[in-house]
């Protein structure tokens, strides 16, 4: 389908379709078997009611976490924190998951 055809179908201008397609390229891929692109997104799905408590715990325990990068001499991270345990910490800090879920996942991943 061409951008003009999409624009006509969606009731948008062709330049708006082009911009939307460019933005869509930056959306991260879903990690296989998780229906989410990151641990933070798993927590967002839980907070929105798309998955239940048991499922958020299962997915966060099974997540293939990337190693947390080292901080530079100023305590800043130069590499992306995407896919690291830090996303679970941020989700808890932002109220997406409660302390009981955080503690359960931490205990199960530490075993």
PDB file of N, CA and C in Angstrom:
ATOM      1  N   UNK A   1       0.848  -1.167   0.000  1.00  0.00           N
ATOM      2  CA  UNK A   1       0.000   0.000   0.000  1.00  0.00           C
ATOM      3  C   UNK A   1       0.899   1.237   0.000  1.00  0.00           C
ATOM      4  N   UNK A   2       0.580   2.207  -0.819  1.00  0.00           N
ATOM      5  CA  UNK A   2       1.374   3.426  -0.879  1.00  0.00           C
ATOM      6  C   UNK A   2       0.983   4.355   0.275  1.00  0.00           C
ATOM      7  N   UNK A   3       1.838   5.344   0.523  1.00  0.00           N
ATOM      8  CA  UNK A   3       1.537   6.320   1.573  1.00  0.00           C
ATOM      9  C   UNK A   3       0.293   7.132   1.218  1.00  0.00           C
ATOM     10  N   UNK A   4       0.097   7.392  -0.046  1.00  0.00           N
ATOM     11  CA  UNK A   4      -1.112   8.129  -0.454  1.00  0.00           C
ATOM     12  C   UNK A   4      -2.368   7.312  -0.187  1.00  0.00           C
ATOM     13  N   UNK A   5      -2.293   6.011  -0.473  1.00  0.00           N
ATOM     14  CA  UNK A   5      -3.441   5.139  -0.211  1.00  0.00           C
ATOM     15  C   UNK A   5      -3.729   5.054   1.294  1.00  0.00           C
ATOM     16  N   UNK A   6      -2.663   4.956   2.087  1.00  0.00           N
ATOM     17  CA  UNK A   6      -2.836   4.940   3.541  1.00  0.00           C
ATOM     18  C   UNK A   6      -3.456   6.232   4.031  1.00  0.00           C
ATOM     19  N   UNK A   7      -2.965   7.350   3.501  1.00  0.00           N
ATOM     20  CA  UNK A   7      -3.473   8.655   3.913  1.00  0.00           C
ATOM     21  C   UNK A   7      -4.960   8.776   3.602  1.00  0.00           C
ATOM     22  N   UNK A   8      -5.356   8.344   2.436  1.00  0.00           N
ATOM     23  CA  UNK A   8      -6.767   8.416   2.052  1.00  0.00           C
ATOM     24  C   UNK A   8      -7.617   7.520   2.949  1.00  0.00           C
ATOM     25  N   UNK A   9      -7.128   6.333   3.235  1.00  0.00           N
ATOM     26  CA  UNK A   9      -7.862   5.391   4.067  1.00  0.00           C
ATOM     27  C   UNK A   9      -7.993   5.890   5.509  1.00  0.00           C
ATOM     28  N   UNK A  10      -6.940   6.518   6.019  1.00  0.00           N
ATOM     29  CA  UNK A  10      -6.922   6.979   7.406  1.00  0.00           C
ATOM     30  C   UNK A  10      -7.432   8.406   7.583  1.00  0.00           C
ATOM     31  N   UNK A  11      -7.654   9.097   6.483  1.00  0.00           N
ATOM     32  CA  UNK A  11      -8.101  10.488   6.570  1.00  0.00           C
ATOM     33  C   UNK A  11      -7.000  11.419   7.052  1.00  0.00           C
ATOM     34  N   UNK A  12      -5.771  11.111   6.646  1.00  0.00           N
ATOM     35  CA  UNK A  12      -4.605  11.907   7.031  1.00  0.00           C
ATOM     36  C   UNK A  12      -3.935  12.434   5.767  1.00  0.00           C
ATOM     37  N   UNK A  13      -3.010  13.365   5.960  1.00  0.00           N
ATOM     38  CA  UNK A  13      -2.216  13.820   4.825  1.00  0.00           C
ATOM     39  C   UNK A  13      -1.080  12.827   4.591  1.00  0.00           C
ATOM     40  N   UNK A  14      -0.556  12.810   3.386  1.00  0.00           N
ATOM     41  CA  UNK A  14       0.561  11.910   3.068  1.00  0.00           C
ATOM     42  C   UNK A  14       1.792  12.244   3.911  1.00  0.00           C
ATOM     43  N   UNK A  15       2.130  13.549   4.133  1.00  0.00           N
ATOM     44  CA  UNK A  15       3.282  13.837   4.998  1.00  0.00           C
ATOM     45  C   UNK A  15       3.087  13.338   6.431  1.00  0.00           C
ATOM     46  N   UNK A  16       1.851  13.372   6.934  1.00  0.00           N
ATOM     47  CA  UNK A  16       1.584  12.868   8.283  1.00  0.00           C
ATOM     48  C   UNK A  16       1.802  11.359   8.338  1.00  0.00           C
ATOM     49  N   UNK A  17       1.407  10.654   7.287  1.00  0.00           N
ATOM     50  CA  UNK A  17       1.643   9.210   7.213  1.00  0.00           C
ATOM     51  C   UNK A  17       3.142   8.940   7.170  1.00  0.00           C
ATOM     52  N   UNK A  18       3.884   9.706   6.391  1.00  0.00           N
ATOM     53  CA  UNK A  18       5.331   9.523   6.299  1.00  0.00           C
ATOM     54  C   UNK A  18       5.994   9.713   7.665  1.00  0.00           C
ATOM     55  N   UNK A  19       5.587  10.738   8.413  1.00  0.00           N
ATOM     56  CA  UNK A  19       6.145  10.984   9.751  1.00  0.00           C
ATOM     57  C   UNK A  19       5.788   9.850  10.708  1.00  0.00           C
ATOM     58  N   UNK A  20       4.552   9.375  10.636  1.00  0.00           N
ATOM     59  CA  UNK A  20       4.120   8.274  11.502  1.00  0.00           C
ATOM     60  C   UNK A  20       4.921   7.010  11.213  1.00  0.00           C
ATOM     61  N   UNK A  21       5.191   6.747   9.954  1.00  0.00           N
ATOM     62  CA  UNK A  21       5.979   5.576   9.592  1.00  0.00           C
ATOM     63  C   UNK A  21       7.421   5.699  10.075  1.00  0.00           C
ATOM     64  N   UNK A  22       7.965   6.907  10.036  1.00  0.00           N
ATOM     65  CA  UNK A  22       9.321   7.122  10.541  1.00  0.00           C
ATOM     66  C   UNK A  22       9.379   6.880  12.045  1.00  0.00           C
ATOM     67  N   UNK A  23       8.380   7.392  12.768  1.00  0.00           N
ATOM     68  CA  UNK A  23       8.336   7.180  14.217  1.00  0.00           C
ATOM     69  C   UNK A  23       8.160   5.700  14.544  1.00  0.00           C
ATOM     70  N   UNK A  24       7.400   4.994  13.745  1.00  0.00           N
ATOM     71  CA  UNK A  24       7.145   3.568  13.991  1.00  0.00           C
ATOM     72  C   UNK A  24       8.423   2.747  13.880  1.00  0.00           C
ATOM     73  N   UNK A  25       9.368   3.193  13.074  1.00  0.00           N
ATOM     74  CA  UNK A  25      10.623   2.459  12.935  1.00  0.00           C
ATOM     75  C   UNK A  25      11.429   2.465  14.227  1.00  0.00           C
ATOM     76  N   UNK A  26      11.211   3.467  15.087  1.00  0.00           N
ATOM     77  CA  UNK A  26      11.949   3.574  16.338  1.00  0.00           C
ATOM     78  C   UNK A  26      11.323   2.750  17.468  1.00  0.00           C
ATOM     79  N   UNK A  27      10.141   2.182  17.249  1.00  0.00           N
ATOM     80  CA  UNK A  27       9.481   1.380  18.277  1.00  0.00           C
ATOM     81  C   UNK A  27      10.241   0.063  18.424  1.00  0.00           C
ATOM     82  N   UNK A  28      10.652  -0.280  19.668  1.00  0.00           N
ATOM     83  CA  UNK A  28      11.417  -1.523  19.835  1.00  0.00           C
ATOM     84  C   UNK A  28      10.596  -2.764  19.543  1.00  0.00           C
ATOM     85  N   UNK A  29      11.282  -3.800  19.102  1.00  0.00           N
ATOM     86  CA  UNK A  29      10.640  -5.076  18.798  1.00  0.00           C
ATOM     87  C   UNK A  29      10.206  -5.768  20.087  1.00  0.00           C
ATOM     88  N   UNK A  30       9.132  -6.498  20.000  1.00  0.00           N
ATOM     89  CA  UNK A  30       8.664  -7.302  21.123  1.00  0.00           C
ATOM     90  C   UNK A  30       9.619  -8.472  21.318  1.00  0.00           C
ATOM     91  N   UNK A  31       9.977  -8.738  22.572  1.00  0.00           N
ATOM     92  CA  UNK A  31      10.847  -9.864  22.880  1.00  0.00           C
ATOM     93  C   UNK A  31      10.018 -11.138  22.797  1.00  0.00           C
ATOM     94  N   UNK A  32      10.520 -12.122  22.091  1.00  0.00           N
ATOM     95  CA  UNK A  32       9.792 -13.363  21.866  1.00  0.00           C
ATOM     96  C   UNK A  32       9.253 -13.992  23.141  1.00  0.00           C
ATOM     97  N   UNK A  33       7.973 -14.339  23.125  1.00  0.00           N
ATOM     98  CA  UNK A  33       7.338 -15.007  24.251  1.00  0.00           C
ATOM     99  C   UNK A  33       6.871 -14.103  25.361  1.00  0.00           C
ATOM    100  N   UNK A  34       7.036 -12.792  25.215  1.00  0.00           N
ATOM    101  CA  UNK A  34       6.691 -11.882  26.301  1.00  0.00           C
ATOM    102  C   UNK A  34       5.592 -10.879  25.966  1.00  0.00           C
ATOM    103  N   UNK A  35       5.284 -10.636  24.724  1.00  0.00           N
ATOM    104  CA  UNK A  35       4.298  -9.634  24.320  1.00  0.00           C
ATOM    105  C   UNK A  35       4.653  -8.243  24.832  1.00  0.00           C
ATOM    106  N   UNK A  36       5.933  -7.989  25.017  1.00  0.00           N
ATOM    107  CA  UNK A  36       6.418  -6.683  25.460  1.00  0.00           C
ATOM    108  C   UNK A  36       7.846  -6.515  24.953  1.00  0.00           C
ATOM    109  N   UNK A  37       8.278  -5.262  24.872  1.00  0.00           N
ATOM    110  CA  UNK A  37       9.619  -4.981  24.382  1.00  0.00           C
ATOM    111  C   UNK A  37      10.624  -4.759  25.510  1.00  0.00           C
ATOM    112  N   UNK A  38      10.125  -4.660  26.756  1.00  0.00           N
ATOM    113  CA  UNK A  38      11.018  -4.392  27.875  1.00  0.00           C
ATOM    114  C   UNK A  38      10.355  -4.811  29.183  1.00  0.00           C
ATOM    115  N   UNK A  39      11.157  -4.974  30.244  1.00  0.00           N
ATOM    116  CA  UNK A  39      10.564  -5.255  31.554  1.00  0.00           C
ATOM    117  C   UNK A  39       9.635  -4.123  32.009  1.00  0.00           C
ATOM    118  N   UNK A  40       9.984  -2.896  31.674  1.00  0.00           N
ATOM    119  CA  UNK A  40       9.141  -1.761  32.055  1.00  0.00           C
ATOM    120  C   UNK A  40       7.775  -1.870  31.368  1.00  0.00           C
ATOM    121  N   UNK A  41       7.781  -2.274  30.112  1.00  0.00           N
ATOM    122  CA  UNK A  41       6.514  -2.428  29.392  1.00  0.00           C
ATOM    123  C   UNK A  41       5.673  -3.551  29.999  1.00  0.00           C
ATOM    124  N   UNK A  42       6.309  -4.614  30.475  1.00  0.00           N
ATOM    125  CA  UNK A  42       5.574  -5.676  31.167  1.00  0.00           C
ATOM    126  C   UNK A  42       4.841  -5.067  32.366  1.00  0.00           C
ATOM    127  N   UNK A  43       5.544  -4.230  33.110  1.00  0.00           N
ATOM    128  CA  UNK A  43       4.942  -3.582  34.277  1.00  0.00           C
ATOM    129  C   UNK A  43       3.831  -2.608  33.876  1.00  0.00           C
ATOM    130  N   UNK A  44       4.006  -1.916  32.772  1.00  0.00           N
ATOM    131  CA  UNK A  44       2.951  -1.031  32.267  1.00  0.00           C
ATOM    132  C   UNK A  44       1.709  -1.830  31.902  1.00  0.00           C
ATOM    133  N   UNK A  45       1.898  -2.974  31.282  1.00  0.00           N
ATOM    134  CA  UNK A  45       0.766  -3.825  30.901  1.00  0.00           C
ATOM    135  C   UNK A  45       0.028  -4.316  32.150  1.00  0.00           C
ATOM    136  N   UNK A  46       0.768  -4.621  33.212  1.00  0.00           N
ATOM    137  CA  UNK A  46       0.148  -5.020  34.473  1.00  0.00           C
ATOM    138  C   UNK A  46      -0.646  -3.855  35.060  1.00  0.00           C
ATOM    139  N   UNK A  47      -0.032  -2.679  35.120  1.00  0.00           N
ATOM    140  CA  UNK A  47      -0.697  -1.508  35.702  1.00  0.00           C
ATOM    141  C   UNK A  47      -1.961  -1.130  34.930  1.00  0.00           C
ATOM    142  N   UNK A  48      -1.972  -1.392  33.631  1.00  0.00           N
ATOM    143  CA  UNK A  48      -3.138  -1.076  32.802  1.00  0.00           C
ATOM    144  C   UNK A  48      -4.202  -2.163  32.872  1.00  0.00           C
ATOM    145  N   UNK A  49      -3.904  -3.279  33.543  1.00  0.00           N
ATOM    146  CA  UNK A  49      -4.876  -4.351  33.686  1.00  0.00           C
ATOM    147  C   UNK A  49      -4.893  -5.359  32.550  1.00  0.00           C
ATOM    148  N   UNK A  50      -3.880  -5.330  31.689  1.00  0.00           N
ATOM    149  CA  UNK A  50      -3.830  -6.272  30.568  1.00  0.00           C
ATOM    150  C   UNK A  50      -3.342  -7.659  30.990  1.00  0.00           C
ATOM    151  N   UNK A  51      -2.565  -7.714  32.070  1.00  0.00           N
ATOM    152  CA  UNK A  51      -2.106  -9.000  32.606  1.00  0.00           C
ATOM    153  C   UNK A  51      -2.313  -8.978  34.113  1.00  0.00           C
ATOM    154  N   UNK A  52      -2.429 -10.167  34.713  1.00  0.00           N
ATOM    155  CA  UNK A  52      -2.662 -10.229  36.161  1.00  0.00           C
ATOM    156  C   UNK A  52      -1.340 -10.340  36.918  1.00  0.00           C
ATOM    157  N   UNK A  53      -1.458 -10.385  38.240  1.00  0.00           N
ATOM    158  CA  UNK A  53      -0.283 -10.400  39.106  1.00  0.00           C
ATOM    159  C   UNK A  53       0.611 -11.612  38.822  1.00  0.00           C
ATOM    160  N   UNK A  54       0.016 -12.771  38.702  1.00  0.00           N
ATOM    161  CA  UNK A  54       0.798 -13.983  38.458  1.00  0.00           C
ATOM    162  C   UNK A  54       1.580 -13.878  37.153  1.00  0.00           C
ATOM    163  N   UNK A  55       0.962 -13.290  36.143  1.00  0.00           N
ATOM    164  CA  UNK A  55       1.624 -13.168  34.831  1.00  0.00           C
ATOM    165  C   UNK A  55       2.751 -12.143  34.871  1.00  0.00           C
ATOM    166  N   UNK A  56       2.565 -11.028  35.559  1.00  0.00           N
ATOM    167  CA  UNK A  56       3.651 -10.045  35.627  1.00  0.00           C
ATOM    168  C   UNK A  56       4.841 -10.638  36.365  1.00  0.00           C
ATOM    169  N   UNK A  57       4.580 -11.387  37.433  1.00  0.00           N
ATOM    170  CA  UNK A  57       5.675 -12.027  38.167  1.00  0.00           C
ATOM    171  C   UNK A  57       6.360 -13.053  37.268  1.00  0.00           C
ATOM    172  N   UNK A  58       5.584 -13.884  36.584  1.00  0.00           N
ATOM    173  CA  UNK A  58       6.162 -14.903  35.703  1.00  0.00           C
ATOM    174  C   UNK A  58       7.051 -14.281  34.643  1.00  0.00           C
ATOM    175  N   UNK A  59       6.551 -13.220  33.999  1.00  0.00           N
ATOM    176  CA  UNK A  59       7.326 -12.602  32.922  1.00  0.00           C
ATOM    177  C   UNK A  59       8.572 -11.906  33.447  1.00  0.00           C
ATOM    178  N   UNK A  60       8.470 -11.222  34.579  1.00  0.00           N
ATOM    179  CA  UNK A  60       9.641 -10.523  35.112  1.00  0.00           C
ATOM    180  C   UNK A  60      10.700 -11.501  35.612  1.00  0.00           C
ATOM    181  N   UNK A  61      10.283 -12.650  36.137  1.00  0.00           N
ATOM    182  CA  UNK A  61      11.247 -13.662  36.573  1.00  0.00           C
ATOM    183  C   UNK A  61      11.934 -14.293  35.361  1.00  0.00           C
ATOM    184  N   UNK A  62      11.186 -14.528  34.294  1.00  0.00           N
ATOM    185  CA  UNK A  62      11.733 -15.191  33.107  1.00  0.00           C
ATOM    186  C   UNK A  62      12.456 -14.247  32.155  1.00  0.00           C
ATOM    187  N   UNK A  63      12.340 -12.936  32.347  1.00  0.00           N
ATOM    188  CA  UNK A  63      12.900 -11.963  31.397  1.00  0.00           C
ATOM    189  C   UNK A  63      14.402 -12.172  31.212  1.00  0.00           C
ATOM    190  N   UNK A  64      14.901 -12.114  29.970  1.00  0.00           N
ATOM    191  CA  UNK A  64      16.346 -12.241  29.715  1.00  0.00           C
ATOM    192  C   UNK A  64      17.047 -10.884  29.910  1.00  0.00           C
ATOM    193  N   UNK A  65      17.265 -10.517  31.163  1.00  0.00           N
ATOM    194  CA  UNK A  65      17.833  -9.198  31.482  1.00  0.00           C
ATOM    195  C   UNK A  65      19.235  -9.044  30.914  1.00  0.00           C
ATOM    196  N   UNK A  66      19.493  -7.844  30.404  1.00  0.00           N
ATOM    197  CA  UNK A  66      20.834  -7.492  29.951  1.00  0.00           C
ATOM    198  C   UNK A  66      21.632  -7.049  31.175  1.00  0.00           C
ATOM    199  N   UNK A  67      22.946  -7.188  31.142  1.00  0.00           N
ATOM    200  CA  UNK A  67      23.747  -6.698  32.266  1.00  0.00           C
ATOM    201  C   UNK A  67      23.655  -5.171  32.367  1.00  0.00           C
ATOM    202  N   UNK A  68      23.649  -4.673  33.586  1.00  0.00           N
ATOM    203  CA  UNK A  68      23.630  -3.223  33.794  1.00  0.00           C
ATOM    204  C   UNK A  68      24.998  -2.667  33.420  1.00  0.00           C
ATOM    205  N   UNK A  69      25.035  -1.637  32.565  1.00  0.00           N
ATOM    206  CA  UNK A  69      26.338  -1.081  32.165  1.00  0.00           C
ATOM    207  C   UNK A  69      27.019  -0.371  33.338  1.00  0.00           C
ATOM    208  N   UNK A  70      28.313  -0.212  33.220  1.00  0.00           N
ATOM    209  CA  UNK A  70      29.077   0.500  34.246  1.00  0.00           C
ATOM    210  C   UNK A  70      28.856   1.998  34.118  1.00  0.00           C
ATOM    211  N   UNK A  71      28.819   2.677  35.246  1.00  0.00           N
ATOM    212  CA  UNK A  71      28.701   4.136  35.252  1.00  0.00           C
ATOM    213  C   UNK A  71      30.084   4.744  34.994  1.00  0.00           C
ATOM    214  N   UNK A  72      30.087   5.948  34.394  1.00  0.00           N
ATOM    215  CA  UNK A  72      31.361   6.630  34.168  1.00  0.00           C
ATOM    216  C   UNK A  72      31.827   7.294  35.465  1.00  0.00           C
ATOM    217  N   UNK A  73      32.904   8.051  35.404  1.00  0.00           N
ATOM    218  CA  UNK A  73      33.474   8.668  36.606  1.00  0.00           C
ATOM    219  C   UNK A  73      32.551   9.696  37.257  1.00  0.00           C
ATOM    220  N   UNK A  74      31.504  10.126  36.543  1.00  0.00           N
ATOM    221  CA  UNK A  74      30.545  11.085  37.090  1.00  0.00           C
ATOM    222  C   UNK A  74      29.273  10.403  37.588  1.00  0.00           C
ATOM    223  N   UNK A  75      29.256   9.070  37.557  1.00  0.00           N
ATOM    224  CA  UNK A  75      28.091   8.322  38.008  1.00  0.00           C
ATOM    225  C   UNK A  75      26.974   8.261  36.982  1.00  0.00           C
ATOM    226  N   UNK A  76      27.292   8.617  35.746  1.00  0.00           N
ATOM    227  CA  UNK A  76      26.297   8.601  34.674  1.00  0.00           C
ATOM    228  C   UNK A  76      26.491   7.358  33.816  1.00  0.00           C
ATOM    229  N   UNK A  77      25.375   6.883  33.279  1.00  0.00           N
ATOM    230  CA  UNK A  77      25.428   5.723  32.392  1.00  0.00           C
ATOM    231  C   UNK A  77      25.453   6.201  30.948  1.00  0.00           C
ATOM    232  N   UNK A  78      26.482   5.788  30.215  1.00  0.00           N
ATOM    233  CA  UNK A  78      26.619   6.194  28.829  1.00  0.00           C
ATOM    234  C   UNK A  78      25.907   5.242  27.891  1.00  0.00           C
ATOM    235  N   UNK A  79      25.625   4.026  28.373  1.00  0.00           N
ATOM    236  CA  UNK A  79      24.921   3.033  27.568  1.00  0.00           C
ATOM    237  C   UNK A  79      23.461   2.990  27.992  1.00  0.00           C
ATOM    238  N   UNK A  80      22.646   2.441  27.148  1.00  0.00           N
ATOM    239  CA  UNK A  80      21.221   2.327  27.421  1.00  0.00           C
ATOM    240  C   UNK A  80      20.963   1.356  28.568  1.00  0.00           C
ATOM    241  N   UNK A  81      19.977   1.682  29.384  1.00  0.00           N
ATOM    242  CA  UNK A  81      19.562   0.811  30.476  1.00  0.00           C
ATOM    243  C   UNK A  81      18.403  -0.087  30.039  1.00  0.00           C
ATOM    244  N   UNK A  82      18.037  -0.013  28.765  1.00  0.00           N
ATOM    245  CA  UNK A  82      16.933  -0.811  28.248  1.00  0.00           C
ATOM    246  C   UNK A  82      17.201  -2.299  28.455  1.00  0.00           C
ATOM    247  N   UNK A  83      16.199  -2.990  28.977  1.00  0.00           N
ATOM    248  CA  UNK A  83      16.298  -4.428  29.156  1.00  0.00           C
ATOM    249  C   UNK A  83      17.063  -4.873  30.386  1.00  0.00           C
ATOM    250  N   UNK A  84      17.459  -3.936  31.243  1.00  0.00           N
ATOM    251  CA  UNK A  84      18.186  -4.280  32.462  1.00  0.00           C
ATOM    252  C   UNK A  84      17.236  -4.314  33.659  1.00  0.00           C
ATOM    253  N   UNK A  85      17.731  -4.796  34.788  1.00  0.00           N
ATOM    254  CA  UNK A  85      16.936  -4.842  36.016  1.00  0.00           C
ATOM    255  C   UNK A  85      16.492  -3.435  36.419  1.00  0.00           C
ATOM    256  N   UNK A  86      17.233  -2.419  36.032  1.00  0.00           N
ATOM    257  CA  UNK A  86      16.907  -1.041  36.387  1.00  0.00           C
ATOM    258  C   UNK A  86      15.495  -0.664  35.936  1.00  0.00           C
ATOM    259  N   UNK A  87      15.009  -1.267  34.867  1.00  0.00           N
ATOM    260  CA  UNK A  87      13.649  -0.980  34.410  1.00  0.00           C
ATOM    261  C   UNK A  87      12.611  -1.457  35.421  1.00  0.00           C
ATOM    262  N   UNK A  88      12.880  -2.559  36.105  1.00  0.00           N
ATOM    263  CA  UNK A  88      11.968  -3.052  37.143  1.00  0.00           C
ATOM    264  C   UNK A  88      12.003  -2.099  38.334  1.00  0.00           C
ATOM    265  N   UNK A  89      13.194  -1.623  38.675  1.00  0.00           N
ATOM    266  CA  UNK A  89      13.334  -0.651  39.766  1.00  0.00           C
ATOM    267  C   UNK A  89      12.527   0.606  39.443  1.00  0.00           C
ATOM    268  N   UNK A  90      12.664   1.109  38.217  1.00  0.00           N
ATOM    269  CA  UNK A  90      11.924   2.306  37.810  1.00  0.00           C
ATOM    270  C   UNK A  90      10.418   2.074  37.826  1.00  0.00           C
ATOM    271  N   UNK A  91       9.987   0.890  37.399  1.00  0.00           N
ATOM    272  CA  UNK A  91       8.558   0.561  37.405  1.00  0.00           C
ATOM    273  C   UNK A  91       8.022   0.573  38.835  1.00  0.00           C
ATOM    274  N   UNK A  92       8.791   0.040  39.773  1.00  0.00           N
ATOM    275  CA  UNK A  92       8.379   0.059  41.178  1.00  0.00           C
ATOM    276  C   UNK A  92       8.370   1.493  41.704  1.00  0.00           C
ATOM    277  N   UNK A  93       9.404   2.262  41.374  1.00  0.00           N
ATOM    278  CA  UNK A  93       9.472   3.662  41.813  1.00  0.00           C
ATOM    279  C   UNK A  93       8.314   4.485  41.267  1.00  0.00           C
ATOM    280  N   UNK A  94       7.859   4.157  40.063  1.00  0.00           N
ATOM    281  CA  UNK A  94       6.764   4.895  39.425  1.00  0.00           C
ATOM    282  C   UNK A  94       5.388   4.340  39.767  1.00  0.00           C
ATOM    283  N   UNK A  95       5.325   3.329  40.634  1.00  0.00           N
ATOM    284  CA  UNK A  95       4.046   2.797  41.078  1.00  0.00           C
ATOM    285  C   UNK A  95       3.359   1.846  40.118  1.00  0.00           C
ATOM    286  N   UNK A  96       4.092   1.330  39.130  1.00  0.00           N
ATOM    287  CA  UNK A  96       3.491   0.382  38.192  1.00  0.00           C
ATOM    288  C   UNK A  96       3.332  -0.996  38.820  1.00  0.00           C
ATOM    289  N   UNK A  97       4.244  -1.339  39.707  1.00  0.00           N
ATOM    290  CA  UNK A  97       4.148  -2.578  40.482  1.00  0.00           C
ATOM    291  C   UNK A  97       4.344  -2.209  41.948  1.00  0.00           C
ATOM    292  N   UNK A  98       3.777  -3.023  42.841  1.00  0.00           N
ATOM    293  CA  UNK A  98       3.927  -2.725  44.266  1.00  0.00           C
ATOM    294  C   UNK A  98       5.172  -3.405  44.833  1.00  0.00           C
ATOM    295  N   UNK A  99       5.485  -3.091  46.086  1.00  0.00           N
ATOM    296  CA  UNK A  99       6.689  -3.626  46.722  1.00  0.00           C
ATOM    297  C   UNK A  99       6.646  -5.145  46.839  1.00  0.00           C
ATOM    298  N   UNK A 100       5.451  -5.712  47.037  1.00  0.00           N
ATOM    299  CA  UNK A 100       5.340  -7.169  47.174  1.00  0.00           C
ATOM    300  C   UNK A 100       5.729  -7.864  45.867  1.00  0.00           C
ATOM    301  N   UNK A 101       5.297  -7.320  44.747  1.00  0.00           N
ATOM    302  CA  UNK A 101       5.680  -7.897  43.447  1.00  0.00           C
ATOM    303  C   UNK A 101       7.181  -7.748  43.240  1.00  0.00           C
ATOM    304  N   UNK A 102       7.702  -6.563  43.509  1.00  0.00           N
ATOM    305  CA  UNK A 102       9.135  -6.315  43.355  1.00  0.00           C
ATOM    306  C   UNK A 102       9.940  -7.315  44.191  1.00  0.00           C
ATOM    307  N   UNK A 103       9.560  -7.467  45.464  1.00  0.00           N
ATOM    308  CA  UNK A 103      10.285  -8.375  46.359  1.00  0.00           C
ATOM    309  C   UNK A 103      10.205  -9.821  45.888  1.00  0.00           C
ATOM    310  N   UNK A 104       9.029 -10.247  45.433  1.00  0.00           N
ATOM    311  CA  UNK A 104       8.860 -11.619  44.959  1.00  0.00           C
ATOM    312  C   UNK A 104       9.725 -11.883  43.725  1.00  0.00           C
ATOM    313  N   UNK A 105       9.721 -10.946  42.778  1.00  0.00           N
ATOM    314  CA  UNK A 105      10.518 -11.118  41.569  1.00  0.00           C
ATOM    315  C   UNK A 105      12.011 -11.094  41.917  1.00  0.00           C
ATOM    316  N   UNK A 106      12.397 -10.183  42.794  1.00  0.00           N
ATOM    317  CA  UNK A 106      13.814 -10.100  43.210  1.00  0.00           C
ATOM    318  C   UNK A 106      14.259 -11.405  43.848  1.00  0.00           C
ATOM    319  N   UNK A 107      13.440 -11.944  44.735  1.00  0.00           N
ATOM    320  CA  UNK A 107      13.793 -13.195  45.404  1.00  0.00           C
ATOM    321  C   UNK A 107      13.886 -14.346  44.402  1.00  0.00           C
ATOM    322  N   UNK A 108      12.937 -14.433  43.488  1.00  0.00           N
ATOM    323  CA  UNK A 108      12.942 -15.536  42.527  1.00  0.00           C
ATOM    324  C   UNK A 108      14.065 -15.422  41.501  1.00  0.00           C
ATOM    325  N   UNK A 109      14.471 -14.212  41.152  1.00  0.00           N
ATOM    326  CA  UNK A 109      15.571 -14.051  40.192  1.00  0.00           C
ATOM    327  C   UNK A 109      16.923 -14.229  40.862  1.00  0.00           C
ATOM    328  N   UNK A 110      16.984 -14.059  42.180  1.00  0.00           N
ATOM    329  CA  UNK A 110      18.247 -14.212  42.903  1.00  0.00           C
ATOM    330  C   UNK A 110      18.572 -15.677  43.150  1.00  0.00           C
ATOM    331  N   UNK A 111      17.581 -16.541  43.093  1.00  0.00           N
ATOM    332  CA  UNK A 111      17.784 -17.978  43.361  1.00  0.00           C
ATOM    333  C   UNK A 111      18.584 -18.643  42.272  1.00  0.00           C
TER     334      UNK A 111
END
